[in-house]
Amino acid sequence: MIRITLVNPNTTRAMTEAAGRAARAVAAPGTVVTAVEPATGPAAVESHHDAALAVPGVLAEVAAAPDADGFVLACFGDPGLDAAREVASGPVVGIAEAALHTATLLGRGFSVVTTLPRMIGRTEELVRRYGCADACRGVRACDVPVLDVSGSYDAVLDACAAALAADGSDVLVLGCAGMAELAAAVSAELGVPVVDGVAAATKLVEGLVAQGLRTSRRSEYAPVPGLVRALSKEH
């Protein structure tokens, strides 16, 4: 049995439940996905300020799951990913990281469709950080807030269609965990692979755990003395 803890960095339970469903839909038989969110923090992560506020809660949830084999960080900004790797007992994969790398395996170029225009810069930053800039044809916004995006299929579809037309992409990446359950419908409508980061991260974590791989403790991600204990007390 593989035990995955999916951490939604915002405090909105409905988003946690939706991300959990998306993860379980692709998880292998015998994989148990537990979806959690912090007790305190922003209701949605839509700015650098929100992301900063979300990180303490993310780390507390990771520290509170010492028996998990691996973790999915279910926000496309991947807030606190490096810190979570210092804390976690198993591998931690962010959904942006997973989605972008997955997209490079499916076509020559991809476009990302995110939520609000203010999220474009952070997304472009992550594209560069993860070494995917050569494959990224564009980052576009559907101009829908995070908490509304799961019910805004038409707006997401229109933004995806516009990205394909303008960017000449082969693949689409949905840039929000709230879009996870829209991926299959968008793909069927537009006829191209559509990558949902929640699903991609879940399968990557499964694969790492199955191979017996976890975050290296040799240097940058070496444990911080007393950190996990302190976070557990806060939780």
Protein backbone atom coordinates (compact mmCIF):
# COMPACT_ATOMS: atom_id res chain seq x y z
CA MET A 1 0.00 0.00 0.00
CA ILE A 2 1.20 3.50 -0.89
CA ARG A 3 -0.03 6.32 1.33
CA ILE A 4 -0.13 9.79 -0.23
CA THR A 5 -1.07 12.94 1.65
CA LEU A 6 -2.38 15.65 -0.65
CA VAL A 7 -2.04 19.10 0.92
CA ASN A 8 -4.25 21.88 -0.39
CA PRO A 9 -2.44 25.06 0.72
CA ASN A 10 -5.66 27.05 1.06
CA THR A 11 -8.32 26.56 3.72
CA THR A 12 -11.29 25.91 1.41
CA ARG A 13 -12.53 22.40 2.12
CA ALA A 14 -14.46 22.12 -1.15
CA MET A 15 -11.21 22.57 -3.10
CA THR A 16 -9.50 19.97 -0.93
CA GLU A 17 -12.28 17.49 -1.64
CA ALA A 18 -12.18 18.16 -5.39
CA ALA A 19 -8.40 17.74 -5.51
CA GLY A 20 -8.71 14.55 -3.51
CA ARG A 21 -11.23 13.17 -6.01
CA ALA A 22 -8.93 14.03 -8.91
CA ALA A 23 -6.00 12.30 -7.22
CA ARG A 24 -7.98 9.18 -6.34
CA ALA A 25 -9.34 8.95 -9.89
CA VAL A 26 -5.83 8.20 -11.21
CA ALA A 27 -4.30 6.48 -8.18
CA ALA A 28 -3.41 2.83 -8.55
CA PRO A 29 -5.34 0.16 -6.66
CA GLY A 30 -3.91 0.00 -3.17
CA THR A 31 -2.87 3.66 -3.10
CA VAL A 32 -4.60 5.61 -0.35
CA VAL A 33 -4.91 9.38 -0.86
CA THR A 34 -5.67 11.53 2.16
CA ALA A 35 -6.55 15.12 1.26
CA VAL A 36 -6.04 17.83 3.89
CA GLU A 37 -5.93 21.60 4.21
CA PRO A 38 -4.47 23.90 6.90
CA ALA A 39 -6.62 25.09 9.77
CA THR A 40 -5.54 28.68 9.15
CA GLY A 41 -4.37 30.64 6.13
CA PRO A 42 -5.86 32.16 2.97
CA ALA A 43 -9.11 30.86 1.49
CA ALA A 44 -7.42 30.97 -1.92
CA VAL A 45 -3.85 31.50 -3.10
CA GLU A 46 -4.06 34.34 -5.60
CA SER A 47 -1.02 36.51 -4.79
CA HIS A 48 2.48 36.42 -3.36
CA HIS A 49 0.97 37.54 -0.04
CA ASP A 50 -1.46 34.62 -0.05
CA ALA A 51 1.34 32.21 -0.88
CA ALA A 52 3.47 33.46 2.01
CA LEU A 53 0.57 33.10 4.43
CA ALA A 54 -0.14 29.57 3.20
CA VAL A 55 3.34 28.14 3.77
CA PRO A 56 3.23 27.70 7.60
CA GLY A 57 0.00 25.72 7.30
CA VAL A 58 1.42 23.57 4.52
CA LEU A 59 4.47 22.70 6.61
CA ALA A 60 2.33 21.90 9.65
CA GLU A 61 0.19 19.49 7.60
CA VAL A 62 3.28 17.78 6.18
CA ALA A 63 4.79 17.41 9.64
CA ALA A 64 1.48 16.00 10.91
CA ALA A 65 1.64 13.09 8.45
CA PRO A 66 4.88 11.24 9.36
CA ASP A 67 3.45 7.92 8.14
CA ALA A 68 2.76 9.19 4.61
CA ASP A 69 4.94 7.67 1.91
CA GLY A 70 4.78 10.83 -0.21
CA PHE A 71 3.08 14.19 -0.60
CA VAL A 72 1.30 16.18 -3.32
CA LEU A 73 1.35 19.97 -2.93
CA ALA A 74 -1.93 20.94 -4.61
CA CYS A 75 -1.50 24.58 -5.61
CA PHE A 76 -0.05 25.62 -8.97
CA GLY A 77 2.23 28.20 -7.38
CA ASP A 78 3.96 25.33 -5.50
CA PRO A 79 4.13 27.47 -2.31
CA GLY A 80 6.58 26.16 0.25
CA LEU A 81 7.74 23.26 -1.90
CA ASP A 82 11.41 23.46 -0.93
CA ALA A 83 10.60 23.86 2.75
CA ALA A 84 8.17 20.93 2.59
CA ARG A 85 10.96 18.76 1.23
CA GLU A 86 13.05 19.57 4.29
CA VAL A 87 10.19 18.49 6.55
CA ALA A 88 8.64 15.54 4.75
CA SER A 89 9.37 11.91 5.43
CA GLY A 90 8.86 11.01 1.76
CA PRO A 91 9.04 12.70 -1.65
CA VAL A 92 7.07 15.92 -2.18
CA VAL A 93 5.86 16.90 -5.67
CA GLY A 94 4.22 20.21 -6.54
CA ILE A 95 1.45 20.21 -9.12
CA ALA A 96 3.05 22.91 -11.26
CA GLU A 97 6.34 21.04 -11.30
CA ALA A 98 4.57 17.78 -12.22
CA ALA A 99 2.31 19.30 -14.86
CA LEU A 100 5.03 21.21 -16.67
CA HIS A 101 7.39 18.25 -16.88
CA THR A 102 4.56 15.97 -17.97
CA ALA A 103 3.59 18.37 -20.75
CA THR A 104 7.09 18.24 -22.23
CA LEU A 105 6.64 14.48 -22.75
CA LEU A 106 3.47 14.87 -24.80
CA GLY A 107 4.30 17.39 -27.52
CA ARG A 108 6.79 19.88 -28.86
CA GLY A 109 5.23 22.85 -27.08
CA PHE A 110 2.62 23.61 -24.46
CA SER A 111 0.53 26.52 -23.19
CA VAL A 112 -0.54 27.12 -19.60
CA VAL A 113 -3.98 28.49 -18.74
CA THR A 114 -4.11 29.97 -15.25
CA THR A 115 -6.76 31.82 -13.26
CA LEU A 116 -6.19 35.57 -12.85
CA PRO A 117 -3.84 37.71 -14.96
CA ARG A 118 -1.75 38.50 -11.87
CA MET A 119 -0.75 34.81 -11.72
CA ILE A 120 0.94 34.87 -15.13
CA GLY A 121 4.27 36.19 -13.82
CA ARG A 122 4.59 33.54 -11.11
CA THR A 123 3.71 30.83 -13.62
CA GLU A 124 6.34 32.07 -16.05
CA GLU A 125 8.86 32.07 -13.20
CA LEU A 126 8.09 28.43 -12.43
CA VAL A 127 8.36 27.49 -16.10
CA ARG A 128 11.92 28.83 -16.06
CA ARG A 129 12.77 27.29 -12.69
CA TYR A 130 11.70 23.83 -13.83
CA GLY A 131 13.68 24.04 -17.07
CA CYS A 132 10.65 24.09 -19.36
CA ALA A 133 11.03 27.52 -20.96
CA ASP A 134 12.00 26.16 -24.38
CA ALA A 135 8.79 24.14 -24.56
CA CYS A 136 6.41 26.77 -23.15
CA ARG A 137 4.65 28.66 -25.95
CA GLY A 138 2.64 30.93 -23.67
CA VAL A 139 0.90 31.52 -20.33
CA ARG A 140 -2.64 32.87 -20.42
CA ALA A 141 -5.37 33.64 -17.90
CA CYS A 142 -9.05 32.80 -18.03
CA ASP A 143 -9.66 35.75 -15.64
CA VAL A 144 -11.65 33.70 -13.13
CA PRO A 145 -10.83 33.64 -9.38
CA VAL A 146 -9.54 30.40 -7.89
CA LEU A 147 -12.68 29.63 -5.89
CA ASP A 148 -14.91 30.07 -8.95
CA VAL A 149 -12.84 28.28 -11.55
CA SER A 150 -14.20 24.76 -11.04
CA GLY A 151 -17.64 26.00 -12.05
CA SER A 152 -16.43 28.14 -14.94
CA TYR A 153 -15.94 25.51 -17.65
CA ASP A 154 -16.84 27.80 -20.54
CA ALA A 155 -14.33 30.48 -19.50
CA VAL A 156 -11.58 27.87 -19.08
CA LEU A 157 -12.44 26.24 -22.41
CA ASP A 158 -12.42 29.58 -24.22
CA ALA A 159 -9.01 30.48 -22.77
CA CYS A 160 -7.64 27.08 -23.74
CA ALA A 161 -8.96 27.37 -27.29
CA ALA A 162 -7.46 30.86 -27.58
CA ALA A 163 -4.11 29.56 -26.33
CA LEU A 164 -4.04 26.82 -28.95
CA ALA A 165 -4.91 29.25 -31.71
CA ALA A 166 -2.41 31.93 -30.71
CA ASP A 167 0.48 29.82 -29.46
CA GLY A 168 0.46 26.86 -31.84
CA SER A 169 0.77 24.48 -28.89
CA ASP A 170 0.42 20.72 -28.92
CA VAL A 171 -0.48 20.39 -25.24
CA LEU A 172 -2.40 22.39 -22.63
CA VAL A 173 -1.61 22.67 -18.92
CA LEU A 174 -4.35 23.72 -16.50
CA GLY A 175 -2.72 26.10 -14.04
CA CYS A 176 -4.86 25.65 -10.95
CA ALA A 177 -5.83 22.73 -8.73
CA GLY A 178 -9.39 24.01 -8.98
CA MET A 179 -9.40 23.10 -12.68
CA ALA A 180 -8.52 19.47 -12.04
CA GLU A 181 -11.93 18.02 -12.80
CA LEU A 182 -12.25 20.01 -16.05
CA ALA A 183 -9.25 18.45 -17.80
CA ALA A 184 -10.96 15.49 -19.47
CA ALA A 185 -13.80 17.60 -20.86
CA VAL A 186 -11.44 20.26 -22.24
CA SER A 187 -9.28 17.58 -23.85
CA ALA A 188 -12.29 15.92 -25.48
CA GLU A 189 -13.56 19.27 -26.79
CA LEU A 190 -10.26 20.54 -28.18
CA GLY A 191 -8.63 17.27 -29.24
CA VAL A 192 -5.27 17.77 -27.52
CA PRO A 193 -3.70 16.39 -24.31
CA VAL A 194 -4.70 18.49 -21.30
CA VAL A 195 -2.51 18.04 -18.24
CA ASP A 196 -3.96 18.41 -14.75
CA GLY A 197 -1.20 18.86 -12.20
CA VAL A 198 -3.03 17.04 -9.42
CA ALA A 199 -3.22 13.85 -11.46
CA ALA A 200 0.33 14.27 -12.76
CA ALA A 201 1.77 14.83 -9.28
CA THR A 202 -0.13 11.87 -7.84
CA LYS A 203 1.33 9.50 -10.40
CA LEU A 204 4.83 10.92 -9.98
CA VAL A 205 4.68 10.44 -6.22
CA GLU A 206 3.44 6.88 -6.72
CA GLY A 207 6.31 6.17 -9.09
CA LEU A 208 8.95 7.61 -6.78
CA VAL A 209 7.66 5.65 -3.81
CA ALA A 210 7.41 2.44 -5.84
CA GLN A 211 11.08 2.87 -6.80
CA GLY A 212 12.08 3.44 -3.18
CA LEU A 213 13.18 7.00 -3.93
CA ARG A 214 12.90 9.99 -1.64
CA THR A 215 14.37 13.47 -1.29
CA SER A 216 18.14 13.49 -0.85
CA ARG A 217 19.31 14.49 2.62
CA ARG A 218 22.90 15.08 1.57
CA SER A 219 22.92 18.86 1.29
CA GLU A 220 20.22 21.44 0.64
CA TYR A 221 17.31 19.33 1.91
CA ALA A 222 19.08 17.99 4.98
CA PRO A 223 16.77 17.87 8.03
CA VAL A 224 16.62 21.01 10.15
CA PRO A 225 17.18 19.99 13.82
CA GLY A 226 13.98 20.25 15.84
CA LEU A 227 11.89 21.59 12.93
CA VAL A 228 9.50 18.66 12.51
CA ARG A 229 8.93 18.46 16.26
CA ALA A 230 8.18 22.20 16.45
CA LEU A 231 5.76 22.06 13.52
CA SER A 232 3.99 19.05 14.97
CA LYS A 233 3.40 20.93 18.21
CA GLU A 234 1.96 23.87 16.27
CA HIS A 235 -0.43 21.53 14.46
